[in-house]
N, C-alpha and C. Protein backbone atom coordinates (compact mmCIF):
# COMPACT_ATOMS: atom_id res chain seq x y z
N MET A 1 90.44 94.75 110.35
CA MET A 1 90.93 95.59 111.41
C MET A 1 90.08 95.33 112.65
N ILE A 2 90.74 95.35 113.77
CA ILE A 2 90.09 95.05 115.04
C ILE A 2 90.25 96.26 115.96
N CYS A 3 89.30 96.42 116.86
CA CYS A 3 89.32 97.54 117.79
C CYS A 3 89.43 96.99 119.22
N LYS A 4 90.34 97.56 119.99
CA LYS A 4 90.48 97.20 121.41
C LYS A 4 90.29 98.47 122.22
N VAL A 5 89.40 98.44 123.20
CA VAL A 5 89.10 99.61 124.01
C VAL A 5 89.45 99.33 125.47
N PHE A 6 90.17 100.27 126.07
CA PHE A 6 90.49 100.21 127.49
C PHE A 6 89.78 101.37 128.16
N ASN A 7 89.19 101.12 129.31
CA ASN A 7 88.59 102.17 130.11
C ASN A 7 89.15 102.01 131.51
N SER A 8 90.17 102.81 131.82
CA SER A 8 90.92 102.62 133.07
C SER A 8 91.20 103.95 133.74
N SER A 9 91.61 103.86 134.99
CA SER A 9 92.07 105.05 135.69
C SER A 9 93.45 105.42 135.17
N LYS A 10 93.87 106.63 135.45
CA LYS A 10 95.18 107.09 134.99
C LYS A 10 96.29 106.18 135.48
N THR A 11 96.20 105.72 136.69
CA THR A 11 97.26 104.91 137.27
C THR A 11 97.28 103.49 136.73
N GLN A 12 96.16 102.99 136.25
CA GLN A 12 96.05 101.60 135.81
C GLN A 12 96.20 101.43 134.30
N LEU A 13 96.01 102.48 133.52
CA LEU A 13 95.96 102.38 132.07
C LEU A 13 97.23 101.79 131.47
N GLU A 14 98.39 102.28 131.85
CA GLU A 14 99.64 101.79 131.28
C GLU A 14 99.81 100.29 131.51
N GLU A 15 99.52 99.84 132.71
CA GLU A 15 99.65 98.42 133.02
C GLU A 15 98.68 97.58 132.19
N ASP A 16 97.43 98.06 132.05
CA ASP A 16 96.43 97.33 131.26
C ASP A 16 96.87 97.20 129.80
N VAL A 17 97.35 98.29 129.22
CA VAL A 17 97.78 98.26 127.82
C VAL A 17 99.00 97.37 127.64
N ASN A 18 99.98 97.47 128.53
CA ASN A 18 101.17 96.64 128.43
C ASN A 18 100.84 95.16 128.55
N ASP A 19 99.94 94.81 129.45
CA ASP A 19 99.52 93.41 129.61
C ASP A 19 98.86 92.90 128.33
N TRP A 20 98.02 93.71 127.71
CA TRP A 20 97.35 93.31 126.48
C TRP A 20 98.36 93.15 125.33
N LEU A 21 99.31 94.07 125.23
CA LEU A 21 100.29 94.00 124.15
C LEU A 21 101.15 92.73 124.22
N LYS A 22 101.33 92.19 125.40
CA LYS A 22 102.12 90.97 125.58
C LYS A 22 101.39 89.73 125.07
N THR A 23 100.09 89.85 124.79
CA THR A 23 99.29 88.67 124.45
C THR A 23 99.40 88.23 123.01
N GLY A 24 100.04 89.00 122.14
CA GLY A 24 100.11 88.59 120.74
C GLY A 24 100.91 89.55 119.89
N LYS A 25 100.84 89.31 118.58
CA LYS A 25 101.56 90.14 117.63
C LYS A 25 100.54 91.05 116.94
N TYR A 26 100.80 92.36 116.97
CA TYR A 26 99.87 93.32 116.43
C TYR A 26 100.59 94.34 115.56
N GLU A 27 99.86 94.88 114.61
CA GLU A 27 100.33 96.04 113.88
C GLU A 27 99.31 97.14 114.14
N ILE A 28 99.71 98.11 114.94
CA ILE A 28 98.79 99.16 115.35
C ILE A 28 98.60 100.14 114.20
N PHE A 29 97.34 100.45 113.93
CA PHE A 29 96.97 101.33 112.83
C PHE A 29 96.68 102.75 113.35
N ALA A 30 95.94 102.85 114.45
CA ALA A 30 95.58 104.16 115.01
C ALA A 30 95.26 104.03 116.49
N ILE A 31 95.48 105.12 117.23
CA ILE A 31 95.18 105.16 118.66
C ILE A 31 94.46 106.47 118.96
N THR A 32 93.41 106.39 119.76
CA THR A 32 92.74 107.60 120.24
C THR A 32 92.58 107.50 121.74
N GLN A 33 92.50 108.66 122.37
CA GLN A 33 92.38 108.70 123.83
C GLN A 33 91.45 109.84 124.21
N THR A 34 90.54 109.55 125.14
CA THR A 34 89.67 110.59 125.70
C THR A 34 89.68 110.44 127.22
N GLU A 35 89.42 111.53 127.90
CA GLU A 35 89.41 111.51 129.36
C GLU A 35 88.12 112.11 129.87
N SER A 36 87.53 111.46 130.87
CA SER A 36 86.30 111.96 131.48
C SER A 36 86.65 113.01 132.54
N SER A 37 86.02 114.15 132.45
CA SER A 37 86.27 115.20 133.44
C SER A 37 85.53 114.93 134.74
N THR A 38 84.54 114.04 134.71
CA THR A 38 83.75 113.78 135.91
C THR A 38 84.35 112.71 136.81
N ASN A 39 84.91 111.65 136.22
CA ASN A 39 85.43 110.57 137.07
C ASN A 39 86.93 110.29 136.88
N GLY A 40 87.57 110.99 135.95
CA GLY A 40 89.01 110.83 135.75
C GLY A 40 89.42 109.59 134.98
N TYR A 41 88.45 108.83 134.49
CA TYR A 41 88.78 107.63 133.71
C TYR A 41 89.18 108.01 132.29
N ILE A 42 90.07 107.21 131.73
CA ILE A 42 90.56 107.42 130.38
C ILE A 42 90.07 106.28 129.50
N THR A 43 89.54 106.62 128.34
CA THR A 43 89.17 105.62 127.34
C THR A 43 90.23 105.67 126.26
N PHE A 44 90.88 104.53 126.05
CA PHE A 44 92.01 104.40 125.14
C PHE A 44 91.62 103.37 124.09
N THR A 45 91.57 103.77 122.84
CA THR A 45 91.11 102.89 121.76
C THR A 45 92.25 102.64 120.79
N ILE A 46 92.49 101.37 120.49
CA ILE A 46 93.54 100.97 119.56
C ILE A 46 92.89 100.22 118.39
N LEU A 47 93.15 100.70 117.18
CA LEU A 47 92.76 99.97 115.97
C LEU A 47 94.00 99.24 115.48
N TYR A 48 93.87 97.94 115.25
CA TYR A 48 95.05 97.15 114.91
C TYR A 48 94.72 96.01 113.97
N LEU A 49 95.78 95.48 113.37
CA LEU A 49 95.68 94.28 112.54
C LEU A 49 96.21 93.11 113.36
N ASP A 50 95.54 91.98 113.30
CA ASP A 50 96.07 90.79 113.98
C ASP A 50 97.07 90.10 113.07
N SER A 51 97.67 89.02 113.53
CA SER A 51 98.74 88.37 112.78
C SER A 51 98.27 87.85 111.42
N LYS A 52 97.04 87.39 111.30
CA LYS A 52 96.52 86.91 110.02
C LYS A 52 96.40 88.08 109.03
N GLU A 53 95.89 89.20 109.52
CA GLU A 53 95.74 90.38 108.65
C GLU A 53 97.10 90.95 108.26
N ILE A 54 98.06 90.90 109.17
CA ILE A 54 99.41 91.36 108.86
C ILE A 54 100.00 90.53 107.73
N ARG A 55 99.83 89.22 107.81
CA ARG A 55 100.35 88.31 106.77
C ARG A 55 99.70 88.62 105.43
N THR A 56 98.40 88.81 105.41
CA THR A 56 97.69 89.12 104.17
C THR A 56 98.19 90.43 103.59
N LYS A 57 98.40 91.42 104.43
CA LYS A 57 98.91 92.72 103.97
C LYS A 57 100.30 92.58 103.34
N LYS A 58 101.16 91.80 103.98
CA LYS A 58 102.51 91.59 103.45
C LYS A 58 102.48 90.85 102.12
N LEU A 59 101.61 89.84 102.00
CA LEU A 59 101.49 89.10 100.74
C LEU A 59 101.01 90.00 99.60
N LYS A 60 100.05 90.86 99.90
CA LYS A 60 99.57 91.80 98.88
C LYS A 60 100.67 92.73 98.43
N LYS A 61 101.46 93.19 99.38
CA LYS A 61 102.57 94.09 99.06
C LYS A 61 103.61 93.37 98.19
N LEU A 62 103.91 92.13 98.53
CA LEU A 62 104.87 91.35 97.74
C LEU A 62 104.35 91.12 96.32
N ASN A 63 103.07 90.84 96.19
CA ASN A 63 102.48 90.61 94.87
C ASN A 63 102.55 91.87 94.00
N LYS A 64 102.40 93.03 94.61
CA LYS A 64 102.49 94.29 93.86
C LYS A 64 103.92 94.53 93.37
N VAL A 65 104.91 94.17 94.19
CA VAL A 65 106.31 94.36 93.84
C VAL A 65 106.70 93.44 92.70
N ASP A 66 106.19 92.22 92.70
CA ASP A 66 106.53 91.22 91.68
C ASP A 66 106.01 91.59 90.29
N LYS A 67 104.98 92.38 90.22
CA LYS A 67 104.35 92.70 88.92
C LYS A 67 105.05 93.80 88.20
């Protein structure tokens, strides 16, 4: 599992996340978000599986079904 953290302003966060999502194939496991009351920045954390981990997960699932 891999962690990706964004620290952006409210206006920039959506664009940053969308740009990152376009870079590959992911299976998102969990998302958390916190906001700073002092500067208005948002920290957005995504835990995800990359394409290799997704393949491994699918193979394990198939092996369980076959047994």
